[in-house]
All heavy atoms as atom14 arrays in JSON, in Angstrom:
{
  "sequence": "ITRFLCNPLTGQLTRLPAIGAGREKFGCGPHMGVLTQAGRAHG",
  "atom14_mask": [
    [1, 1, 1, 1, 1, 1, 1, 1, 0, 0, 0, 0, 0, 0],
    [1, 1, 1, 1, 1, 1, 1, 0, 0, 0, 0, 0, 0, 0],
    [1, 1, 1, 1, 1, 1, 1, 1, 1, 1, 1, 0, 0, 0],
    [1, 1, 1, 1, 1, 1, 1, 1, 1, 1, 1, 0, 0, 0],
    [1, 1, 1, 1, 1, 1, 1, 1, 0, 0, 0, 0, 0, 0],
    [1, 1, 1, 1, 1, 1, 0, 0, 0, 0, 0, 0, 0, 0],
    [1, 1, 1, 1, 1, 1, 1, 1, 0, 0, 0, 0, 0, 0],
    [1, 1, 1, 1, 1, 1, 1, 0, 0, 0, 0, 0, 0, 0],
    [1, 1, 1, 1, 1, 1, 1, 1, 0, 0, 0, 0, 0, 0],
    [1, 1, 1, 1, 1, 1, 1, 0, 0, 0, 0, 0, 0, 0],
    [1, 1, 1, 1, 0, 0, 0, 0, 0, 0, 0, 0, 0, 0],
    [1, 1, 1, 1, 1, 1, 1, 1, 1, 0, 0, 0, 0, 0],
    [1, 1, 1, 1, 1, 1, 1, 1, 0, 0, 0, 0, 0, 0],
    [1, 1, 1, 1, 1, 1, 1, 0, 0, 0, 0, 0, 0, 0],
    [1, 1, 1, 1, 1, 1, 1, 1, 1, 1, 1, 0, 0, 0],
    [1, 1, 1, 1, 1, 1, 1, 1, 0, 0, 0, 0, 0, 0],
    [1, 1, 1, 1, 1, 1, 1, 0, 0, 0, 0, 0, 0, 0],
    [1, 1, 1, 1, 1, 0, 0, 0, 0, 0, 0, 0, 0, 0],
    [1, 1, 1, 1, 1, 1, 1, 1, 0, 0, 0, 0, 0, 0],
    [1, 1, 1, 1, 0, 0, 0, 0, 0, 0, 0, 0, 0, 0],
    [1, 1, 1, 1, 1, 0, 0, 0, 0, 0, 0, 0, 0, 0],
    [1, 1, 1, 1, 0, 0, 0, 0, 0, 0, 0, 0, 0, 0],
    [1, 1, 1, 1, 1, 1, 1, 1, 1, 1, 1, 0, 0, 0],
    [1, 1, 1, 1, 1, 1, 1, 1, 1, 0, 0, 0, 0, 0],
    [1, 1, 1, 1, 1, 1, 1, 1, 1, 0, 0, 0, 0, 0],
    [1, 1, 1, 1, 1, 1, 1, 1, 1, 1, 1, 0, 0, 0],
    [1, 1, 1, 1, 0, 0, 0, 0, 0, 0, 0, 0, 0, 0],
    [1, 1, 1, 1, 1, 1, 0, 0, 0, 0, 0, 0, 0, 0],
    [1, 1, 1, 1, 0, 0, 0, 0, 0, 0, 0, 0, 0, 0],
    [1, 1, 1, 1, 1, 1, 1, 0, 0, 0, 0, 0, 0, 0],
    [1, 1, 1, 1, 1, 1, 1, 1, 1, 1, 0, 0, 0, 0],
    [1, 1, 1, 1, 1, 1, 1, 1, 0, 0, 0, 0, 0, 0],
    [1, 1, 1, 1, 0, 0, 0, 0, 0, 0, 0, 0, 0, 0],
    [1, 1, 1, 1, 1, 1, 1, 0, 0, 0, 0, 0, 0, 0],
    [1, 1, 1, 1, 1, 1, 1, 1, 0, 0, 0, 0, 0, 0],
    [1, 1, 1, 1, 1, 1, 1, 0, 0, 0, 0, 0, 0, 0],
    [1, 1, 1, 1, 1, 1, 1, 1, 1, 0, 0, 0, 0, 0],
    [1, 1, 1, 1, 1, 0, 0, 0, 0, 0, 0, 0, 0, 0],
    [1, 1, 1, 1, 0, 0, 0, 0, 0, 0, 0, 0, 0, 0],
    [1, 1, 1, 1, 1, 1, 1, 1, 1, 1, 1, 0, 0, 0],
    [1, 1, 1, 1, 1, 0, 0, 0, 0, 0, 0, 0, 0, 0],
    [1, 1, 1, 1, 1, 1, 1, 1, 1, 1, 0, 0, 0, 0],
    [1, 1, 1, 1, 0, 0, 0, 0, 0, 0, 0, 0, 0, 0]
  ],
  "atom14_positions": [
    [[160.21, 126.74, 121.48], [160.96, 126.09, 120.35], [160.12, 126.09, 119.11], [158.9, 125.73, 119.09], [161.31, 124.62, 120.74], [162.25, 124.68, 122.01], [162.08, 123.97, 119.61], [162.52, 123.21, 122.45], [0.0, 0.0, 0.0], [0.0, 0.0, 0.0], [0.0, 0.0, 0.0], [0.0, 0.0, 0.0], [0.0, 0.0, 0.0], [0.0, 0.0, 0.0]],
    [[160.74, 126.64, 117.99], [160.06, 126.62, 116.75], [160.77, 125.66, 115.77], [161.98, 125.76, 115.69], [159.92, 127.99, 116.13], [159.52, 128.9, 117.11], [158.99, 128.2, 114.96], [0.0, 0.0, 0.0], [0.0, 0.0, 0.0], [0.0, 0.0, 0.0], [0.0, 0.0, 0.0], [0.0, 0.0, 0.0], [0.0, 0.0, 0.0], [0.0, 0.0, 0.0]],
    [[160.06, 124.86, 115.06], [160.71, 123.9, 114.14], [160.28, 124.17, 112.76], [159.02, 124.4, 112.46], [160.34, 122.46, 114.54], [160.88, 122.08, 115.86], [160.39, 120.64, 116.33], [160.96, 120.27, 117.58], [160.46, 120.64, 118.81], [159.29, 121.37, 118.82], [161.06, 120.29, 119.92], [0.0, 0.0, 0.0], [0.0, 0.0, 0.0], [0.0, 0.0, 0.0]],
    [[161.21, 124.21, 111.83], [160.81, 124.61, 110.45], [161.46, 123.6, 109.49], [162.44, 122.98, 109.72], [161.53, 126.04, 110.02], [160.98, 127.21, 110.75], [161.81, 127.75, 111.82], [159.81, 127.8, 110.44], [161.39, 128.93, 112.46], [159.38, 128.97, 111.09], [160.13, 129.53, 112.15], [0.0, 0.0, 0.0], [0.0, 0.0, 0.0], [0.0, 0.0, 0.0]],
    [[160.84, 123.53, 108.32], [161.45, 122.96, 107.14], [161.8, 124.11, 106.25], [161.05, 125.1, 106.15], [160.46, 121.94, 106.39], [160.25, 120.62, 107.13], [159.06, 119.88, 106.54], [161.55, 119.76, 107.13], [0.0, 0.0, 0.0], [0.0, 0.0, 0.0], [0.0, 0.0, 0.0], [0.0, 0.0, 0.0], [0.0, 0.0, 0.0], [0.0, 0.0, 0.0]],
    [[162.89, 123.96, 105.64], [163.44, 125.07, 104.86], [163.89, 124.69, 103.5], [164.71, 123.77, 103.41], [164.48, 125.84, 105.58], [165.27, 127.2, 104.71], [0.0, 0.0, 0.0], [0.0, 0.0, 0.0], [0.0, 0.0, 0.0], [0.0, 0.0, 0.0], [0.0, 0.0, 0.0], [0.0, 0.0, 0.0], [0.0, 0.0, 0.0], [0.0, 0.0, 0.0]],
    [[163.61, 125.45, 102.4], [164.14, 125.25, 101.1], [165.3, 126.31, 101.0], [165.01, 127.47, 100.9], [163.12, 125.42, 100.03], [163.63, 125.18, 98.61], [164.87, 125.43, 98.36], [162.82, 124.54, 97.74], [0.0, 0.0, 0.0], [0.0, 0.0, 0.0], [0.0, 0.0, 0.0], [0.0, 0.0, 0.0], [0.0, 0.0, 0.0], [0.0, 0.0, 0.0]],
    [[166.57, 125.96, 100.96], [167.63, 126.86, 100.9], [167.7, 127.71, 99.68], [168.36, 128.78, 99.77], [168.88, 126.0, 101.13], [168.52, 124.71, 100.65], [167.08, 124.5, 100.87], [0.0, 0.0, 0.0], [0.0, 0.0, 0.0], [0.0, 0.0, 0.0], [0.0, 0.0, 0.0], [0.0, 0.0, 0.0], [0.0, 0.0, 0.0], [0.0, 0.0, 0.0]],
    [[167.16, 127.22, 98.56], [167.2, 128.01, 97.35], [166.06, 128.99, 97.21], [166.27, 130.13, 96.75], [167.16, 127.1, 96.13], [168.44, 126.26, 95.81], [168.34, 125.55, 94.53], [169.67, 127.2, 95.88], [0.0, 0.0, 0.0], [0.0, 0.0, 0.0], [0.0, 0.0, 0.0], [0.0, 0.0, 0.0], [0.0, 0.0, 0.0], [0.0, 0.0, 0.0]],
    [[164.93, 128.64, 97.64], [163.76, 129.65, 97.53], [163.54, 130.45, 98.81], [162.84, 131.37, 98.84], [162.46, 128.82, 97.2], [162.15, 128.04, 98.34], [162.6, 128.02, 95.89], [0.0, 0.0, 0.0], [0.0, 0.0, 0.0], [0.0, 0.0, 0.0], [0.0, 0.0, 0.0], [0.0, 0.0, 0.0], [0.0, 0.0, 0.0], [0.0, 0.0, 0.0]],
    [[164.08, 129.99, 99.85], [163.83, 130.64, 101.3], [162.55, 130.14, 101.88], [162.2, 130.72, 102.94], [0.0, 0.0, 0.0], [0.0, 0.0, 0.0], [0.0, 0.0, 0.0], [0.0, 0.0, 0.0], [0.0, 0.0, 0.0], [0.0, 0.0, 0.0], [0.0, 0.0, 0.0], [0.0, 0.0, 0.0], [0.0, 0.0, 0.0], [0.0, 0.0, 0.0]],
    [[161.8, 129.25, 101.2], [160.46, 128.89, 101.8], [160.68, 128.29, 103.23], [161.48, 127.37, 103.42], [159.69, 128.04, 100.88], [158.34, 127.64, 101.55], [157.69, 126.5, 100.87], [158.3, 125.69, 100.12], [156.39, 126.31, 101.11], [0.0, 0.0, 0.0], [0.0, 0.0, 0.0], [0.0, 0.0, 0.0], [0.0, 0.0, 0.0], [0.0, 0.0, 0.0]],
    [[159.96, 128.78, 104.22], [160.0, 128.17, 105.58], [158.69, 127.7, 105.88], [157.65, 128.31, 105.63], [160.34, 129.35, 106.6], [161.75, 129.71, 106.71], [161.88, 130.92, 107.7], [162.66, 128.56, 107.31], [0.0, 0.0, 0.0], [0.0, 0.0, 0.0], [0.0, 0.0, 0.0], [0.0, 0.0, 0.0], [0.0, 0.0, 0.0], [0.0, 0.0, 0.0]],
    [[158.51, 126.45, 106.3], [157.32, 125.76, 106.7], [157.32, 125.37, 108.2], [158.19, 124.62, 108.44], [156.94, 124.51, 105.83], [156.95, 124.92, 104.49], [155.66, 123.94, 106.16], [0.0, 0.0, 0.0], [0.0, 0.0, 0.0], [0.0, 0.0, 0.0], [0.0, 0.0, 0.0], [0.0, 0.0, 0.0], [0.0, 0.0, 0.0], [0.0, 0.0, 0.0]],
    [[156.46, 125.98, 108.95], [156.52, 125.69, 110.37], [155.88, 124.35, 110.69], [154.8, 124.04, 110.14], [155.85, 126.77, 111.14], [155.87, 126.67, 112.63], [154.71, 127.56, 113.31], [154.93, 128.91, 112.92], [155.45, 129.92, 113.53], [155.94, 129.6, 114.72], [155.52, 131.17, 113.06], [0.0, 0.0, 0.0], [0.0, 0.0, 0.0], [0.0, 0.0, 0.0]],
    [[156.5, 123.55, 111.46], [155.88, 122.23, 111.9], [155.17, 122.55, 113.17], [155.38, 123.46, 114.0], [156.97, 121.23, 112.17], [157.78, 120.75, 110.98], [158.77, 119.67, 111.32], [156.86, 120.37, 109.83], [0.0, 0.0, 0.0], [0.0, 0.0, 0.0], [0.0, 0.0, 0.0], [0.0, 0.0, 0.0], [0.0, 0.0, 0.0], [0.0, 0.0, 0.0]],
    [[154.1, 121.7, 113.47], [153.4, 121.89, 114.73], [154.3, 121.72, 115.93], [155.37, 121.05, 115.88], [152.32, 120.77, 114.68], [152.22, 120.34, 113.22], [153.55, 120.57, 112.64], [0.0, 0.0, 0.0], [0.0, 0.0, 0.0], [0.0, 0.0, 0.0], [0.0, 0.0, 0.0], [0.0, 0.0, 0.0], [0.0, 0.0, 0.0], [0.0, 0.0, 0.0]],
    [[153.83, 122.3, 117.08], [154.59, 122.14, 118.31], [154.5, 120.79, 118.78], [153.53, 120.02, 118.53], [154.04, 123.13, 119.36], [0.0, 0.0, 0.0], [0.0, 0.0, 0.0], [0.0, 0.0, 0.0], [0.0, 0.0, 0.0], [0.0, 0.0, 0.0], [0.0, 0.0, 0.0], [0.0, 0.0, 0.0], [0.0, 0.0, 0.0], [0.0, 0.0, 0.0]],
    [[155.52, 120.31, 119.61], [155.52, 119.0, 120.25], [155.22, 119.22, 121.72], [156.06, 119.79, 122.39], [156.91, 118.25, 120.06], [157.17, 118.15, 118.54], [156.85, 116.92, 120.65], [158.62, 117.64, 118.29], [0.0, 0.0, 0.0], [0.0, 0.0, 0.0], [0.0, 0.0, 0.0], [0.0, 0.0, 0.0], [0.0, 0.0, 0.0], [0.0, 0.0, 0.0]],
    [[154.18, 118.68, 122.24], [153.98, 118.73, 123.67], [153.92, 120.16, 124.28], [153.63, 121.1, 123.56], [0.0, 0.0, 0.0], [0.0, 0.0, 0.0], [0.0, 0.0, 0.0], [0.0, 0.0, 0.0], [0.0, 0.0, 0.0], [0.0, 0.0, 0.0], [0.0, 0.0, 0.0], [0.0, 0.0, 0.0], [0.0, 0.0, 0.0], [0.0, 0.0, 0.0]],
    [[154.22, 120.24, 125.62], [154.22, 121.52, 126.28], [155.22, 121.42, 127.37], [155.58, 120.34, 127.79], [152.76, 121.72, 126.83], [0.0, 0.0, 0.0], [0.0, 0.0, 0.0], [0.0, 0.0, 0.0], [0.0, 0.0, 0.0], [0.0, 0.0, 0.0], [0.0, 0.0, 0.0], [0.0, 0.0, 0.0], [0.0, 0.0, 0.0], [0.0, 0.0, 0.0]],
    [[155.58, 122.65, 127.88], [156.52, 122.7, 128.94], [157.87, 122.06, 128.64], [158.34, 122.15, 127.61], [0.0, 0.0, 0.0], [0.0, 0.0, 0.0], [0.0, 0.0, 0.0], [0.0, 0.0, 0.0], [0.0, 0.0, 0.0], [0.0, 0.0, 0.0], [0.0, 0.0, 0.0], [0.0, 0.0, 0.0], [0.0, 0.0, 0.0], [0.0, 0.0, 0.0]],
    [[158.4, 121.35, 129.66], [159.74, 120.68, 129.55], [159.73, 119.64, 128.47], [160.81, 119.4, 127.87], [160.2, 120.07, 130.89], [160.52, 121.15, 131.92], [161.81, 121.85, 131.53], [162.05, 122.97, 132.39], [163.15, 123.71, 132.38], [163.96, 123.62, 131.31], [163.38, 124.76, 133.24], [0.0, 0.0, 0.0], [0.0, 0.0, 0.0], [0.0, 0.0, 0.0]],
    [[158.57, 119.06, 128.13], [158.55, 118.0, 127.15], [158.99, 118.54, 125.81], [159.71, 117.96, 125.01], [157.16, 117.42, 127.07], [156.95, 116.31, 126.02], [155.52, 115.97, 125.87], [154.66, 116.25, 126.66], [155.23, 115.21, 124.81], [0.0, 0.0, 0.0], [0.0, 0.0, 0.0], [0.0, 0.0, 0.0], [0.0, 0.0, 0.0], [0.0, 0.0, 0.0]],
    [[158.49, 119.79, 125.49], [158.85, 120.31, 124.11], [160.27, 120.71, 124.03], [160.88, 120.77, 123.0], [157.91, 121.45, 123.81], [158.19, 122.75, 124.71], [157.24, 123.84, 124.3], [157.48, 125.07, 125.16], [156.66, 126.27, 124.83], [0.0, 0.0, 0.0], [0.0, 0.0, 0.0], [0.0, 0.0, 0.0], [0.0, 0.0, 0.0], [0.0, 0.0, 0.0]],
    [[160.92, 120.96, 125.27], [162.29, 121.41, 125.27], [163.22, 120.24, 124.86], [164.24, 120.46, 124.29], [162.61, 121.95, 126.66], [164.09, 122.36, 126.89], [164.43, 123.52, 126.1], [164.93, 121.8, 127.69], [165.74, 124.01, 126.3], [166.22, 122.19, 127.8], [166.59, 123.32, 127.08], [0.0, 0.0, 0.0], [0.0, 0.0, 0.0], [0.0, 0.0, 0.0]],
    [[162.8, 119.03, 125.21], [163.68, 117.83, 125.0], [163.58, 117.2, 123.74], [164.4, 116.23, 123.47], [0.0, 0.0, 0.0], [0.0, 0.0, 0.0], [0.0, 0.0, 0.0], [0.0, 0.0, 0.0], [0.0, 0.0, 0.0], [0.0, 0.0, 0.0], [0.0, 0.0, 0.0], [0.0, 0.0, 0.0], [0.0, 0.0, 0.0], [0.0, 0.0, 0.0]],
    [[162.75, 117.65, 122.84], [162.49, 116.93, 121.69], [163.08, 117.56, 120.4], [162.78, 118.78, 120.2], [161.0, 116.72, 121.41], [160.13, 115.74, 122.72], [0.0, 0.0, 0.0], [0.0, 0.0, 0.0], [0.0, 0.0, 0.0], [0.0, 0.0, 0.0], [0.0, 0.0, 0.0], [0.0, 0.0, 0.0], [0.0, 0.0, 0.0], [0.0, 0.0, 0.0]],
    [[163.93, 116.91, 119.6], [164.23, 117.48, 118.29], [165.61, 117.73, 118.01], [165.93, 117.88, 116.76], [0.0, 0.0, 0.0], [0.0, 0.0, 0.0], [0.0, 0.0, 0.0], [0.0, 0.0, 0.0], [0.0, 0.0, 0.0], [0.0, 0.0, 0.0], [0.0, 0.0, 0.0], [0.0, 0.0, 0.0], [0.0, 0.0, 0.0], [0.0, 0.0, 0.0]],
    [[166.57, 117.88, 118.96], [167.92, 118.26, 118.48], [168.62, 117.15, 117.49], [169.45, 117.64, 116.74], [168.68, 118.24, 119.76], [167.7, 118.47, 120.79], [166.52, 117.82, 120.32], [0.0, 0.0, 0.0], [0.0, 0.0, 0.0], [0.0, 0.0, 0.0], [0.0, 0.0, 0.0], [0.0, 0.0, 0.0], [0.0, 0.0, 0.0], [0.0, 0.0, 0.0]],
    [[168.21, 115.87, 117.52], [168.75, 115.04, 116.67], [167.73, 114.35, 115.72], [167.83, 113.16, 115.3], [169.4, 113.81, 117.57], [170.47, 114.43, 118.39], [171.68, 114.98, 117.87], [170.61, 114.48, 119.76], [172.47, 115.24, 118.87], [171.8, 115.1, 120.05], [0.0, 0.0, 0.0], [0.0, 0.0, 0.0], [0.0, 0.0, 0.0], [0.0, 0.0, 0.0]],
    [[166.8, 115.1, 115.31], [165.8, 114.66, 114.35], [166.42, 114.78, 112.88], [167.26, 115.64, 112.61], [164.57, 115.57, 114.39], [163.68, 115.28, 115.58], [162.12, 116.16, 115.59], [161.29, 115.27, 116.84], [0.0, 0.0, 0.0], [0.0, 0.0, 0.0], [0.0, 0.0, 0.0], [0.0, 0.0, 0.0], [0.0, 0.0, 0.0], [0.0, 0.0, 0.0]],
    [[166.04, 113.82, 112.05], [166.42, 113.84, 110.68], [165.26, 114.06, 109.86], [164.08, 113.81, 110.19], [0.0, 0.0, 0.0], [0.0, 0.0, 0.0], [0.0, 0.0, 0.0], [0.0, 0.0, 0.0], [0.0, 0.0, 0.0], [0.0, 0.0, 0.0], [0.0, 0.0, 0.0], [0.0, 0.0, 0.0], [0.0, 0.0, 0.0], [0.0, 0.0, 0.0]],
    [[165.55, 114.49, 108.58], [164.37, 114.7, 107.54], [164.73, 113.79, 106.45], [165.85, 113.65, 105.91], [164.32, 116.2, 107.17], [165.65, 116.75, 106.66], [163.18, 116.4, 106.1], [0.0, 0.0, 0.0], [0.0, 0.0, 0.0], [0.0, 0.0, 0.0], [0.0, 0.0, 0.0], [0.0, 0.0, 0.0], [0.0, 0.0, 0.0], [0.0, 0.0, 0.0]],
    [[163.6, 113.12, 105.9], [163.68, 112.27, 104.83], [162.58, 112.42, 103.91], [161.44, 112.67, 104.32], [163.59, 110.74, 105.32], [163.77, 109.57, 104.33], [165.21, 109.54, 103.67], [163.37, 108.29, 104.96], [0.0, 0.0, 0.0], [0.0, 0.0, 0.0], [0.0, 0.0, 0.0], [0.0, 0.0, 0.0], [0.0, 0.0, 0.0], [0.0, 0.0, 0.0]],
    [[162.88, 112.44, 102.58], [161.82, 112.71, 101.63], [161.63, 111.41, 100.71], [162.51, 110.65, 100.56], [162.1, 113.86, 100.66], [163.43, 113.63, 100.1], [162.13, 115.19, 101.35], [0.0, 0.0, 0.0], [0.0, 0.0, 0.0], [0.0, 0.0, 0.0], [0.0, 0.0, 0.0], [0.0, 0.0, 0.0], [0.0, 0.0, 0.0], [0.0, 0.0, 0.0]],
    [[160.36, 111.26, 100.17], [160.04, 110.13, 99.33], [159.27, 110.64, 98.18], [158.24, 111.2, 98.34], [159.24, 109.07, 100.23], [159.05, 107.8, 99.6], [158.25, 106.87, 100.47], [157.02, 107.03, 100.65], [158.93, 105.9, 101.11], [0.0, 0.0, 0.0], [0.0, 0.0, 0.0], [0.0, 0.0, 0.0], [0.0, 0.0, 0.0], [0.0, 0.0, 0.0]],
    [[159.71, 110.38, 96.95], [159.02, 110.83, 95.78], [157.64, 110.25, 95.64], [157.37, 109.1, 96.11], [159.84, 110.64, 94.51], [0.0, 0.0, 0.0], [0.0, 0.0, 0.0], [0.0, 0.0, 0.0], [0.0, 0.0, 0.0], [0.0, 0.0, 0.0], [0.0, 0.0, 0.0], [0.0, 0.0, 0.0], [0.0, 0.0, 0.0], [0.0, 0.0, 0.0]],
    [[156.72, 111.03, 95.0], [155.4, 110.43, 94.62], [155.54, 109.21, 93.76], [156.43, 109.18, 92.9], [0.0, 0.0, 0.0], [0.0, 0.0, 0.0], [0.0, 0.0, 0.0], [0.0, 0.0, 0.0], [0.0, 0.0, 0.0], [0.0, 0.0, 0.0], [0.0, 0.0, 0.0], [0.0, 0.0, 0.0], [0.0, 0.0, 0.0], [0.0, 0.0, 0.0]],
    [[154.58, 108.23, 93.82], [154.67, 107.05, 93.05], [154.1, 107.19, 91.58], [154.35, 106.42, 90.74], [153.9, 105.94, 93.78], [154.49, 105.57, 95.13], [153.73, 104.39, 95.74], [154.32, 104.08, 97.05], [153.97, 103.09, 97.79], [152.94, 102.35, 97.38], [154.52, 102.79, 98.96], [0.0, 0.0, 0.0], [0.0, 0.0, 0.0], [0.0, 0.0, 0.0]],
    [[153.3, 108.23, 91.39], [152.79, 108.5, 90.05], [152.95, 109.95, 89.76], [153.14, 110.77, 90.62], [151.29, 108.15, 90.07], [0.0, 0.0, 0.0], [0.0, 0.0, 0.0], [0.0, 0.0, 0.0], [0.0, 0.0, 0.0], [0.0, 0.0, 0.0], [0.0, 0.0, 0.0], [0.0, 0.0, 0.0], [0.0, 0.0, 0.0], [0.0, 0.0, 0.0]],
    [[153.02, 110.27, 88.4], [153.22, 111.63, 88.0], [152.08, 112.61, 88.59], [150.97, 112.23, 88.48], [153.18, 111.7, 86.52], [153.44, 113.1, 85.94], [154.66, 113.71, 86.1], [152.61, 113.92, 85.34], [154.5, 114.94, 85.45], [153.27, 115.06, 85.1], [0.0, 0.0, 0.0], [0.0, 0.0, 0.0], [0.0, 0.0, 0.0], [0.0, 0.0, 0.0]],
    [[152.54, 113.65, 89.13], [151.57, 114.58, 89.71], [151.23, 114.32, 91.17], [150.67, 115.19, 91.85], [0.0, 0.0, 0.0], [0.0, 0.0, 0.0], [0.0, 0.0, 0.0], [0.0, 0.0, 0.0], [0.0, 0.0, 0.0], [0.0, 0.0, 0.0], [0.0, 0.0, 0.0], [0.0, 0.0, 0.0], [0.0, 0.0, 0.0], [0.0, 0.0, 0.0]]
  ]
}
């Protein structure tokens, strides 16, 4: 299983680290959500 974050306008793909091994990695992720939080100061 490969997990990516993707920017649909630029096409950038960022691979996330693997989770566990064997059957453990198979069961994790189908219902994960992604949330962003802006920086608190400029830059």
